[in-house]
Amino acid sequence: PATQIPRITAETLAATEMSPVQRHLIDQWKAADLTVILMP
């Protein structure tokens, strides 16, 4: 629950600016040399 992953909503689709949380997630993804995704 402490991990913020915004969901697509009518409000996010209508937003004219990216939220700080999404900006952080994008910057984090782009900066990574290696990403490990583990999923059932």
PDB file of all heavy atoms in Angstrom:
ATOM      1  N   PRO A   1       0.804  -1.229   0.000  1.00  0.00           N
ATOM      2  CA  PRO A   1       0.000   0.000   0.000  1.00  0.00           C
ATOM      3  C   PRO A   1       0.834   1.274   0.000  1.00  0.00           C
ATOM      4  O   PRO A   1       0.357   2.332  -0.425  1.00  0.00           O
ATOM      5  CB  PRO A   1      -0.819  -0.122   1.292  1.00  0.00           C
ATOM      6  CG  PRO A   1      -0.892  -1.589   1.560  1.00  0.00           C
ATOM      7  CD  PRO A   1       0.428  -2.144   1.087  1.00  0.00           C
ATOM      8  N   ALA A   2       2.069   1.172   0.456  1.00  0.00           N
ATOM      9  CA  ALA A   2       2.938   2.352   0.481  1.00  0.00           C
ATOM     10  C   ALA A   2       3.459   2.714  -0.905  1.00  0.00           C
ATOM     11  O   ALA A   2       3.967   3.824  -1.108  1.00  0.00           O
ATOM     12  CB  ALA A   2       4.110   2.109   1.429  1.00  0.00           C
ATOM     13  N   THR A   3       3.351   1.797  -1.857  1.00  0.00           N
ATOM     14  CA  THR A   3       3.816   2.044  -3.218  1.00  0.00           C
ATOM     15  C   THR A   3       2.701   2.708  -4.019  1.00  0.00           C
ATOM     16  O   THR A   3       1.624   2.139  -4.181  1.00  0.00           O
ATOM     17  CB  THR A   3       4.231   0.735  -3.910  1.00  0.00           C
ATOM     18  OG1 THR A   3       5.260   0.114  -3.132  1.00  0.00           O
ATOM     19  CG2 THR A   3       4.741   1.003  -5.310  1.00  0.00           C
ATOM     20  N   GLN A   4       2.962   3.895  -4.501  1.00  0.00           N
ATOM     21  CA  GLN A   4       1.949   4.637  -5.249  1.00  0.00           C
ATOM     22  C   GLN A   4       2.064   4.333  -6.741  1.00  0.00           C
ATOM     23  O   GLN A   4       3.075   4.660  -7.372  1.00  0.00           O
ATOM     24  CB  GLN A   4       2.100   6.138  -5.015  1.00  0.00           C
ATOM     25  CG  GLN A   4       1.865   6.569  -3.579  1.00  0.00           C
ATOM     26  CD  GLN A   4       1.915   8.074  -3.437  1.00  0.00           C
ATOM     27  OE1 GLN A   4       1.171   8.806  -4.092  1.00  0.00           O
ATOM     28  NE2 GLN A   4       2.793   8.542  -2.567  1.00  0.00           N
ATOM     29  N   ILE A   5       1.025   3.696  -7.276  1.00  0.00           N
ATOM     30  CA  ILE A   5       0.943   3.413  -8.705  1.00  0.00           C
ATOM     31  C   ILE A   5      -0.415   3.946  -9.168  1.00  0.00           C
ATOM     32  O   ILE A   5      -1.441   3.274  -9.012  1.00  0.00           O
ATOM     33  CB  ILE A   5       1.050   1.902  -9.010  1.00  0.00           C
ATOM     34  CG1 ILE A   5       2.288   1.276  -8.353  1.00  0.00           C
ATOM     35  CG2 ILE A   5       1.055   1.673 -10.522  1.00  0.00           C
ATOM     36  CD1 ILE A   5       3.603   1.731  -8.925  1.00  0.00           C
ATOM     37  N   PRO A   6      -0.465   5.146  -9.721  1.00  0.00           N
ATOM     38  CA  PRO A   6      -1.754   5.715 -10.120  1.00  0.00           C
ATOM     39  C   PRO A   6      -2.475   4.847 -11.154  1.00  0.00           C
ATOM     40  O   PRO A   6      -1.840   4.253 -12.035  1.00  0.00           O
ATOM     41  CB  PRO A   6      -1.366   7.069 -10.724  1.00  0.00           C
ATOM     42  CG  PRO A   6      -0.036   7.394 -10.115  1.00  0.00           C
ATOM     43  CD  PRO A   6       0.652   6.072  -9.951  1.00  0.00           C
ATOM     44  N   ARG A   7      -3.788   4.783 -11.037  1.00  0.00           N
ATOM     45  CA  ARG A   7      -4.613   4.068 -12.003  1.00  0.00           C
ATOM     46  C   ARG A   7      -5.218   5.069 -12.986  1.00  0.00           C
ATOM     47  O   ARG A   7      -5.443   6.230 -12.658  1.00  0.00           O
ATOM     48  CB  ARG A   7      -5.734   3.300 -11.310  1.00  0.00           C
ATOM     49  CG  ARG A   7      -5.251   2.286 -10.290  1.00  0.00           C
ATOM     50  CD  ARG A   7      -6.333   1.293  -9.949  1.00  0.00           C
ATOM     51  NE  ARG A   7      -6.555   0.366 -11.066  1.00  0.00           N
ATOM     52  CZ  ARG A   7      -7.426  -0.631 -11.033  1.00  0.00           C
ATOM     53  NH1 ARG A   7      -8.173  -0.823  -9.969  1.00  0.00           N
ATOM     54  NH2 ARG A   7      -7.566  -1.426 -12.071  1.00  0.00           N
ATOM     55  N   ILE A   8      -5.475   4.599 -14.202  1.00  0.00           N
ATOM     56  CA  ILE A   8      -6.129   5.452 -15.186  1.00  0.00           C
ATOM     57  C   ILE A   8      -7.570   5.711 -14.763  1.00  0.00           C
ATOM     58  O   ILE A   8      -8.318   4.781 -14.466  1.00  0.00           O
ATOM     59  CB  ILE A   8      -6.093   4.795 -16.578  1.00  0.00           C
ATOM     60  CG1 ILE A   8      -4.662   4.765 -17.117  1.00  0.00           C
ATOM     61  CG2 ILE A   8      -6.992   5.546 -17.556  1.00  0.00           C
ATOM     62  CD1 ILE A   8      -4.539   4.106 -18.461  1.00  0.00           C
ATOM     63  N   THR A   9      -7.933   6.975 -14.727  1.00  0.00           N
ATOM     64  CA  THR A   9      -9.307   7.381 -14.408  1.00  0.00           C
ATOM     65  C   THR A   9      -9.694   8.492 -15.384  1.00  0.00           C
ATOM     66  O   THR A   9      -8.864   9.002 -16.152  1.00  0.00           O
ATOM     67  CB  THR A   9      -9.412   7.916 -12.974  1.00  0.00           C
ATOM     68  OG1 THR A   9      -8.607   9.114 -12.860  1.00  0.00           O
ATOM     69  CG2 THR A   9      -8.925   6.894 -11.955  1.00  0.00           C
ATOM     70  N   ALA A  10     -10.936   8.892 -15.322  1.00  0.00           N
ATOM     71  CA  ALA A  10     -11.379  10.014 -16.148  1.00  0.00           C
ATOM     72  C   ALA A  10     -10.574  11.269 -15.818  1.00  0.00           C
ATOM     73  O   ALA A  10     -10.233  12.065 -16.708  1.00  0.00           O
ATOM     74  CB  ALA A  10     -12.872  10.269 -15.928  1.00  0.00           C
ATOM     75  N   GLU A  11     -10.233  11.428 -14.539  1.00  0.00           N
ATOM     76  CA  GLU A  11      -9.478  12.608 -14.111  1.00  0.00           C
ATOM     77  C   GLU A  11      -8.049  12.582 -14.657  1.00  0.00           C
ATOM     78  O   GLU A  11      -7.541  13.609 -15.116  1.00  0.00           O
ATOM     79  CB  GLU A  11      -9.454  12.695 -12.581  1.00  0.00           C
ATOM     80  CG  GLU A  11     -10.778  13.075 -11.937  1.00  0.00           C
ATOM     81  CD  GLU A  11     -11.792  11.938 -11.957  1.00  0.00           C
ATOM     82  OE1 GLU A  11     -11.380  10.752 -12.111  1.00  0.00           O
ATOM     83  OE2 GLU A  11     -12.995  12.229 -11.821  1.00  0.00           O
ATOM     84  N   THR A  12      -7.391  11.416 -14.597  1.00  0.00           N
ATOM     85  CA  THR A  12      -6.019  11.361 -15.095  1.00  0.00           C
ATOM     86  C   THR A  12      -5.974  11.546 -16.609  1.00  0.00           C
ATOM     87  O   THR A  12      -5.043  12.153 -17.143  1.00  0.00           O
ATOM     88  CB  THR A  12      -5.344  10.028 -14.714  1.00  0.00           C
ATOM     89  OG1 THR A  12      -6.086   8.937 -15.291  1.00  0.00           O
ATOM     90  CG2 THR A  12      -5.288   9.848 -13.210  1.00  0.00           C
ATOM     91  N   LEU A  13      -6.983  11.055 -17.313  1.00  0.00           N
ATOM     92  CA  LEU A  13      -7.022  11.228 -18.768  1.00  0.00           C
ATOM     93  C   LEU A  13      -7.245  12.690 -19.153  1.00  0.00           C
ATOM     94  O   LEU A  13      -6.762  13.153 -20.189  1.00  0.00           O
ATOM     95  CB  LEU A  13      -8.125  10.356 -19.369  1.00  0.00           C
ATOM     96  CG  LEU A  13      -7.878   8.851 -19.360  1.00  0.00           C
ATOM     97  CD1 LEU A  13      -9.108   8.105 -19.872  1.00  0.00           C
ATOM     98  CD2 LEU A  13      -6.664   8.482 -20.201  1.00  0.00           C
ATOM     99  N   ALA A  14      -7.968  13.400 -18.308  1.00  0.00           N
ATOM    100  CA  ALA A  14      -8.266  14.799 -18.603  1.00  0.00           C
ATOM    101  C   ALA A  14      -7.177  15.753 -18.114  1.00  0.00           C
ATOM    102  O   ALA A  14      -7.172  16.932 -18.484  1.00  0.00           O
ATOM    103  CB  ALA A  14      -9.601  15.183 -17.968  1.00  0.00           C
ATOM    104  N   ALA A  15      -6.267  15.256 -17.310  1.00  0.00           N
ATOM    105  CA  ALA A  15      -5.232  16.114 -16.724  1.00  0.00           C
ATOM    106  C   ALA A  15      -4.332  16.702 -17.805  1.00  0.00           C
ATOM    107  O   ALA A  15      -3.978  16.032 -18.781  1.00  0.00           O
ATOM    108  CB  ALA A  15      -4.409  15.327 -15.719  1.00  0.00           C
ATOM    109  N   THR A  16      -3.965  17.944 -17.638  1.00  0.00           N
ATOM    110  CA  THR A  16      -3.077  18.603 -18.602  1.00  0.00           C
ATOM    111  C   THR A  16      -1.614  18.498 -18.183  1.00  0.00           C
ATOM    112  O   THR A  16      -0.720  18.784 -18.982  1.00  0.00           O
ATOM    113  CB  THR A  16      -3.456  20.088 -18.745  1.00  0.00           C
ATOM    114  OG1 THR A  16      -3.404  20.710 -17.456  1.00  0.00           O
ATOM    115  CG2 THR A  16      -4.865  20.216 -19.319  1.00  0.00           C
ATOM    116  N   GLU A  17      -1.367  18.093 -16.943  1.00  0.00           N
ATOM    117  CA  GLU A  17      -0.001  17.918 -16.457  1.00  0.00           C
ATOM    118  C   GLU A  17       0.145  16.550 -15.814  1.00  0.00           C
ATOM    119  O   GLU A  17      -0.803  16.023 -15.223  1.00  0.00           O
ATOM    120  CB  GLU A  17       0.361  19.005 -15.445  1.00  0.00           C
ATOM    121  CG  GLU A  17       0.430  20.403 -16.027  1.00  0.00           C
ATOM    122  CD  GLU A  17       0.909  21.420 -15.012  1.00  0.00           C
ATOM    123  OE1 GLU A  17       1.199  21.002 -13.859  1.00  0.00           O
ATOM    124  OE2 GLU A  17       0.985  22.609 -15.350  1.00  0.00           O
ATOM    125  N   MET A  18       1.331  15.998 -15.936  1.00  0.00           N
ATOM    126  CA  MET A  18       1.631  14.709 -15.340  1.00  0.00           C
ATOM    127  C   MET A  18       1.779  14.854 -13.825  1.00  0.00           C
ATOM    128  O   MET A  18       2.352  15.836 -13.341  1.00  0.00           O
ATOM    129  CB  MET A  18       2.931  14.161 -15.950  1.00  0.00           C
ATOM    130  CG  MET A  18       3.306  12.774 -15.511  1.00  0.00           C
ATOM    131  SD  MET A  18       4.836  12.247 -16.327  1.00  0.00           S
ATOM    132  CE  MET A  18       4.344  12.233 -18.051  1.00  0.00           C
ATOM    133  N   SER A  19       1.286  13.877 -13.090  1.00  0.00           N
ATOM    134  CA  SER A  19       1.415  13.926 -11.637  1.00  0.00           C
ATOM    135  C   SER A  19       2.865  13.680 -11.233  1.00  0.00           C
ATOM    136  O   SER A  19       3.616  13.012 -11.949  1.00  0.00           O
ATOM    137  CB  SER A  19       0.526  12.872 -10.982  1.00  0.00           C
ATOM    138  OG  SER A  19       1.061  11.571 -11.191  1.00  0.00           O
ATOM    139  N   PRO A  20       3.287  14.203 -10.078  1.00  0.00           N
ATOM    140  CA  PRO A  20       4.658  13.955  -9.604  1.00  0.00           C
ATOM    141  C   PRO A  20       4.961  12.470  -9.432  1.00  0.00           C
ATOM    142  O   PRO A  20       6.095  12.039  -9.675  1.00  0.00           O
ATOM    143  CB  PRO A  20       4.702  14.691  -8.259  1.00  0.00           C
ATOM    144  CG  PRO A  20       3.659  15.753  -8.373  1.00  0.00           C
ATOM    145  CD  PRO A  20       2.568  15.146  -9.201  1.00  0.00           C
ATOM    146  N   VAL A  21       3.964  11.678  -9.026  1.00  0.00           N
ATOM    147  CA  VAL A  21       4.188  10.248  -8.843  1.00  0.00           C
ATOM    148  C   VAL A  21       4.491   9.581 -10.192  1.00  0.00           C
ATOM    149  O   VAL A  21       5.440   8.801 -10.307  1.00  0.00           O
ATOM    150  CB  VAL A  21       2.954   9.583  -8.185  1.00  0.00           C
ATOM    151  CG1 VAL A  21       3.115   8.065  -8.173  1.00  0.00           C
ATOM    152  CG2 VAL A  21       2.765  10.100  -6.776  1.00  0.00           C
ATOM    153  N   GLN A  22       3.705   9.898 -11.203  1.00  0.00           N
ATOM    154  CA  GLN A  22       3.959   9.319 -12.524  1.00  0.00           C
ATOM    155  C   GLN A  22       5.294   9.800 -13.074  1.00  0.00           C
ATOM    156  O   GLN A  22       6.044   9.021 -13.665  1.00  0.00           O
ATOM    157  CB  GLN A  22       2.838   9.666 -13.497  1.00  0.00           C
ATOM    158  CG  GLN A  22       3.021   8.987 -14.855  1.00  0.00           C
ATOM    159  CD  GLN A  22       1.913   9.289 -15.833  1.00  0.00           C
ATOM    160  OE1 GLN A  22       1.171  10.254 -15.666  1.00  0.00           O
ATOM    161  NE2 GLN A  22       1.795   8.468 -16.865  1.00  0.00           N
ATOM    162  N   ARG A  23       5.606  11.058 -12.863  1.00  0.00           N
ATOM    163  CA  ARG A  23       6.895  11.596 -13.322  1.00  0.00           C
ATOM    164  C   ARG A  23       8.053  10.818 -12.696  1.00  0.00           C
ATOM    165  O   ARG A  23       9.036  10.479 -13.380  1.00  0.00           O
ATOM    166  CB  ARG A  23       6.992  13.073 -12.932  1.00  0.00           C
ATOM    167  CG  ARG A  23       8.280  13.790 -13.305  1.00  0.00           C
ATOM    168  CD  ARG A  23       8.324  14.078 -14.794  1.00  0.00           C
ATOM    169  NE  ARG A  23       9.053  13.056 -15.524  1.00  0.00           N
ATOM    170  CZ  ARG A  23       8.989  12.910 -16.841  1.00  0.00           C
ATOM    171  NH1 ARG A  23       8.214  13.703 -17.568  1.00  0.00           N
ATOM    172  NH2 ARG A  23       9.684  11.973 -17.432  1.00  0.00           N
ATOM    173  N   HIS A  24       7.928  10.523 -11.418  1.00  0.00           N
ATOM    174  CA  HIS A  24       8.974   9.752 -10.731  1.00  0.00           C
ATOM    175  C   HIS A  24       9.086   8.344 -11.309  1.00  0.00           C
ATOM    176  O   HIS A  24      10.201   7.852 -11.536  1.00  0.00           O
ATOM    177  CB  HIS A  24       8.677   9.678  -9.239  1.00  0.00           C
ATOM    178  CG  HIS A  24       9.592   8.752  -8.499  1.00  0.00           C
ATOM    179  ND1 HIS A  24      10.916   9.035  -8.248  1.00  0.00           N
ATOM    180  CD2 HIS A  24       9.375   7.494  -7.984  1.00  0.00           C
ATOM    181  CE1 HIS A  24      11.470   8.030  -7.600  1.00  0.00           C
ATOM    182  NE2 HIS A  24      10.562   7.089  -7.435  1.00  0.00           N
ATOM    183  N   LEU A  25       7.948   7.686 -11.562  1.00  0.00           N
ATOM    184  CA  LEU A  25       7.979   6.327 -12.101  1.00  0.00           C
ATOM    185  C   LEU A  25       8.628   6.292 -13.479  1.00  0.00           C
ATOM    186  O   LEU A  25       9.430   5.391 -13.782  1.00  0.00           O
ATOM    187  CB  LEU A  25       6.556   5.763 -12.174  1.00  0.00           C
ATOM    188  CG  LEU A  25       5.872   5.477 -10.839  1.00  0.00           C
ATOM    189  CD1 LEU A  25       4.417   5.081 -11.071  1.00  0.00           C
ATOM    190  CD2 LEU A  25       6.607   4.388 -10.060  1.00  0.00           C
ATOM    191  N   ILE A  26       8.335   7.267 -14.314  1.00  0.00           N
ATOM    192  CA  ILE A  26       8.930   7.322 -15.649  1.00  0.00           C
ATOM    193  C   ILE A  26      10.432   7.566 -15.552  1.00  0.00           C
ATOM    194  O   ILE A  26      11.226   6.892 -16.216  1.00  0.00           O
ATOM    195  CB  ILE A  26       8.253   8.417 -16.493  1.00  0.00           C
ATOM    196  CG1 ILE A  26       6.823   8.006 -16.836  1.00  0.00           C
ATOM    197  CG2 ILE A  26       9.043   8.668 -17.782  1.00  0.00           C
ATOM    198  CD1 ILE A  26       6.028   9.097 -17.533  1.00  0.00           C
ATOM    199  N   ASP A  27      10.824   8.530 -14.748  1.00  0.00           N
ATOM    200  CA  ASP A  27      12.256   8.839 -14.603  1.00  0.00           C
ATOM    201  C   ASP A  27      13.013   7.643 -14.040  1.00  0.00           C
ATOM    202  O   ASP A  27      14.137   7.347 -14.466  1.00  0.00           O
ATOM    203  CB  ASP A  27      12.447  10.050 -13.692  1.00  0.00           C
ATOM    204  CG  ASP A  27      11.960  11.349 -14.335  1.00  0.00           C
ATOM    205  OD1 ASP A  27      11.763  11.373 -15.570  1.00  0.00           O
ATOM    206  OD2 ASP A  27      11.767  12.333 -13.591  1.00  0.00           O
ATOM    207  N   GLN A  28      12.410   6.953 -13.094  1.00  0.00           N
ATOM    208  CA  GLN A  28      13.022   5.765 -12.496  1.00  0.00           C
ATOM    209  C   GLN A  28      13.202   4.681 -13.547  1.00  0.00           C
ATOM    210  O   GLN A  28      14.264   4.050 -13.633  1.00  0.00           O
ATOM    211  CB  GLN A  28      12.136   5.283 -11.356  1.00  0.00           C
ATOM    212  CG  GLN A  28      12.677   4.105 -10.568  1.00  0.00           C
ATOM    213  CD  GLN A  28      11.679   3.655  -9.502  1.00  0.00           C
ATOM    214  OE1 GLN A  28      10.508   3.419  -9.798  1.00  0.00           O
ATOM    215  NE2 GLN A  28      12.150   3.556  -8.260  1.00  0.00           N
ATOM    216  N   TRP A  29      12.164   4.447 -14.351  1.00  0.00           N
ATOM    217  CA  TRP A  29      12.238   3.425 -15.400  1.00  0.00           C
ATOM    218  C   TRP A  29      13.306   3.768 -16.433  1.00  0.00           C
ATOM    219  O   TRP A  29      14.118   2.925 -16.808  1.00  0.00           O
ATOM    220  CB  TRP A  29      10.870   3.277 -16.070  1.00  0.00           C
ATOM    221  CG  TRP A  29      10.875   2.356 -17.242  1.00  0.00           C
ATOM    222  CD1 TRP A  29      11.007   2.698 -18.561  1.00  0.00           C
ATOM    223  CD2 TRP A  29      10.793   0.921 -17.219  1.00  0.00           C
ATOM    224  NE1 TRP A  29      10.994   1.578 -19.352  1.00  0.00           N
ATOM    225  CE2 TRP A  29      10.869   0.480 -18.554  1.00  0.00           C
ATOM    226  CE3 TRP A  29      10.656  -0.011 -16.194  1.00  0.00           C
ATOM    227  CZ2 TRP A  29      10.812  -0.869 -18.896  1.00  0.00           C
ATOM    228  CZ3 TRP A  29      10.604  -1.362 -16.528  1.00  0.00           C
ATOM    229  CH2 TRP A  29      10.684  -1.780 -17.864  1.00  0.00           C
ATOM    230  N   LYS A  30      13.344   5.002 -16.881  1.00  0.00           N
ATOM    231  CA  LYS A  30      14.278   5.416 -17.928  1.00  0.00           C
ATOM    232  C   LYS A  30      15.729   5.393 -17.436  1.00  0.00           C
ATOM    233  O   LYS A  30      16.652   5.172 -18.226  1.00  0.00           O
ATOM    234  CB  LYS A  30      13.904   6.807 -18.442  1.00  0.00           C
ATOM    235  CG  LYS A  30      12.607   6.817 -19.233  1.00  0.00           C
ATOM    236  CD  LYS A  30      12.035   8.218 -19.416  1.00  0.00           C
ATOM    237  CE  LYS A  30      12.887   9.101 -20.264  1.00  0.00           C
ATOM    238  NZ  LYS A  30      12.203  10.397 -20.544  1.00  0.00           N
ATOM    239  N   ALA A  31      15.928   5.618 -16.145  1.00  0.00           N
ATOM    240  CA  ALA A  31      17.287   5.678 -15.601  1.00  0.00           C
ATOM    241  C   ALA A  31      17.884   4.308 -15.339  1.00  0.00           C
ATOM    242  O   ALA A  31      19.105   4.180 -15.180  1.00  0.00           O
ATOM    243  CB  ALA A  31      17.287   6.487 -14.305  1.00  0.00           C
ATOM    244  N   ALA A  32      17.060   3.274 -15.305  1.00  0.00           N
ATOM    245  CA  ALA A  32      17.538   1.940 -14.916  1.00  0.00           C
ATOM    246  C   ALA A  32      18.412   1.309 -16.001  1.00  0.00           C
ATOM    247  O   ALA A  32      18.120   1.407 -17.195  1.00  0.00           O
ATOM    248  CB  ALA A  32      16.351   1.033 -14.619  1.00  0.00           C
ATOM    249  N   ASP A  33      19.483   0.656 -15.572  1.00  0.00           N
ATOM    250  CA  ASP A  33      20.300  -0.158 -16.478  1.00  0.00           C
ATOM    251  C   ASP A  33      19.748  -1.573 -16.573  1.00  0.00           C
ATOM    252  O   ASP A  33      19.902  -2.245 -17.592  1.00  0.00           O
ATOM    253  CB  ASP A  33      21.753  -0.226 -15.975  1.00  0.00           C
ATOM    254  CG  ASP A  33      22.421   1.133 -15.966  1.00  0.00           C
ATOM    255  OD1 ASP A  33      22.330   1.850 -16.985  1.00  0.00           O
ATOM    256  OD2 ASP A  33      23.017   1.494 -14.931  1.00  0.00           O
ATOM    257  N   LEU A  34      19.127  -2.018 -15.491  1.00  0.00           N
ATOM    258  CA  LEU A  34      18.601  -3.381 -15.409  1.00  0.00           C
ATOM    259  C   LEU A  34      17.309  -3.364 -14.602  1.00  0.00           C
ATOM    260  O   LEU A  34      17.267  -2.810 -13.509  1.00  0.00           O
ATOM    261  CB  LEU A  34      19.626  -4.303 -14.737  1.00  0.00           C
ATOM    262  CG  LEU A  34      19.178  -5.724 -14.382  1.00  0.00           C
ATOM    263  CD1 LEU A  34      18.872  -6.523 -15.646  1.00  0.00           C
ATOM    264  CD2 LEU A  34      20.258  -6.431 -13.559  1.00  0.00           C
ATOM    265  N   THR A  35      16.270  -3.967 -15.154  1.00  0.00           N
ATOM    266  CA  THR A  35      14.998  -4.077 -14.448  1.00  0.00           C
ATOM    267  C   THR A  35      14.626  -5.548 -14.333  1.00  0.00           C
ATOM    268  O   THR A  35      14.634  -6.274 -15.336  1.00  0.00           O
ATOM    269  CB  THR A  35      13.876  -3.322 -15.188  1.00  0.00           C
ATOM    270  OG1 THR A  35      14.210  -1.933 -15.264  1.00  0.00           O
ATOM    271  CG2 THR A  35      12.548  -3.482 -14.457  1.00  0.00           C
ATOM    272  N   VAL A  36      14.309  -5.963 -13.118  1.00  0.00           N
ATOM    273  CA  VAL A  36      13.881  -7.339 -12.856  1.00  0.00           C
ATOM    274  C   VAL A  36      12.403  -7.293 -12.471  1.00  0.00           C
ATOM    275  O   VAL A  36      12.045  -6.669 -11.473  1.00  0.00           O
ATOM    276  CB  VAL A  36      14.707  -7.978 -11.717  1.00  0.00           C
ATOM    277  CG1 VAL A  36      14.318  -9.449 -11.552  1.00  0.00           C
ATOM    278  CG2 VAL A  36      16.199  -7.841 -11.990  1.00  0.00           C
ATOM    279  N   ILE A  37      11.568  -7.932 -13.268  1.00  0.00           N
ATOM    280  CA  ILE A  37      10.125  -7.984 -13.010  1.00  0.00           C
ATOM    281  C   ILE A  37       9.783  -9.408 -12.583  1.00  0.00           C
ATOM    282  O   ILE A  37      10.003 -10.351 -13.342  1.00  0.00           O
ATOM    283  CB  ILE A  37       9.317  -7.604 -14.261  1.00  0.00           C
ATOM    284  CG1 ILE A  37       9.695  -6.201 -14.747  1.00  0.00           C
ATOM    285  CG2 ILE A  37       7.815  -7.691 -13.981  1.00  0.00           C
ATOM    286  CD1 ILE A  37       9.118  -5.837 -16.100  1.00  0.00           C
ATOM    287  N   LEU A  38       9.251  -9.561 -11.388  1.00  0.00           N
ATOM    288  CA  LEU A  38       8.909 -10.889 -10.863  1.00  0.00           C
ATOM    289  C   LEU A  38       7.409 -10.937 -10.605  1.00  0.00           C
ATOM    290  O   LEU A  38       6.878 -10.121  -9.850  1.00  0.00           O
ATOM    291  CB  LEU A  38       9.682 -11.181  -9.582  1.00  0.00           C
ATOM    292  CG  LEU A  38      11.212 -11.082  -9.694  1.00  0.00           C
ATOM    293  CD1 LEU A  38      11.713  -9.805  -9.046  1.00  0.00           C
ATOM    294  CD2 LEU A  38      11.894 -12.284  -9.078  1.00  0.00           C
ATOM    295  N   MET A  39       6.725 -11.923 -11.225  1.00  0.00           N
ATOM    296  CA  MET A  39       5.269 -11.925 -11.169  1.00  0.00           C
ATOM    297  C   MET A  39       4.698 -13.331 -11.253  1.00  0.00           C
ATOM    298  O   MET A  39       5.164 -14.142 -12.049  1.00  0.00           O
ATOM    299  CB  MET A  39       4.729 -11.096 -12.342  1.00  0.00           C
ATOM    300  CG  MET A  39       3.235 -10.843 -12.306  1.00  0.00           C
ATOM    301  SD  MET A  39       2.551 -10.486 -13.951  1.00  0.00           S
ATOM    302  CE  MET A  39       2.408 -12.171 -14.601  1.00  0.00           C
ATOM    303  N   PRO A  40       3.662 -13.622 -10.468  1.00  0.00           N
ATOM    304  CA  PRO A  40       2.941 -14.881 -10.648  1.00  0.00           C
ATOM    305  C   PRO A  40       1.930 -14.717 -11.784  1.00  0.00           C
ATOM    306  O   PRO A  40       1.238 -13.689 -11.861  1.00  0.00           O
ATOM    307  CB  PRO A  40       2.224 -15.070  -9.304  1.00  0.00           C
ATOM    308  CG  PRO A  40       1.959 -13.670  -8.850  1.00  0.00           C
ATOM    309  CD  PRO A  40       3.118 -12.839  -9.339  1.00  0.00           C
TER     310      PRO A  40
END
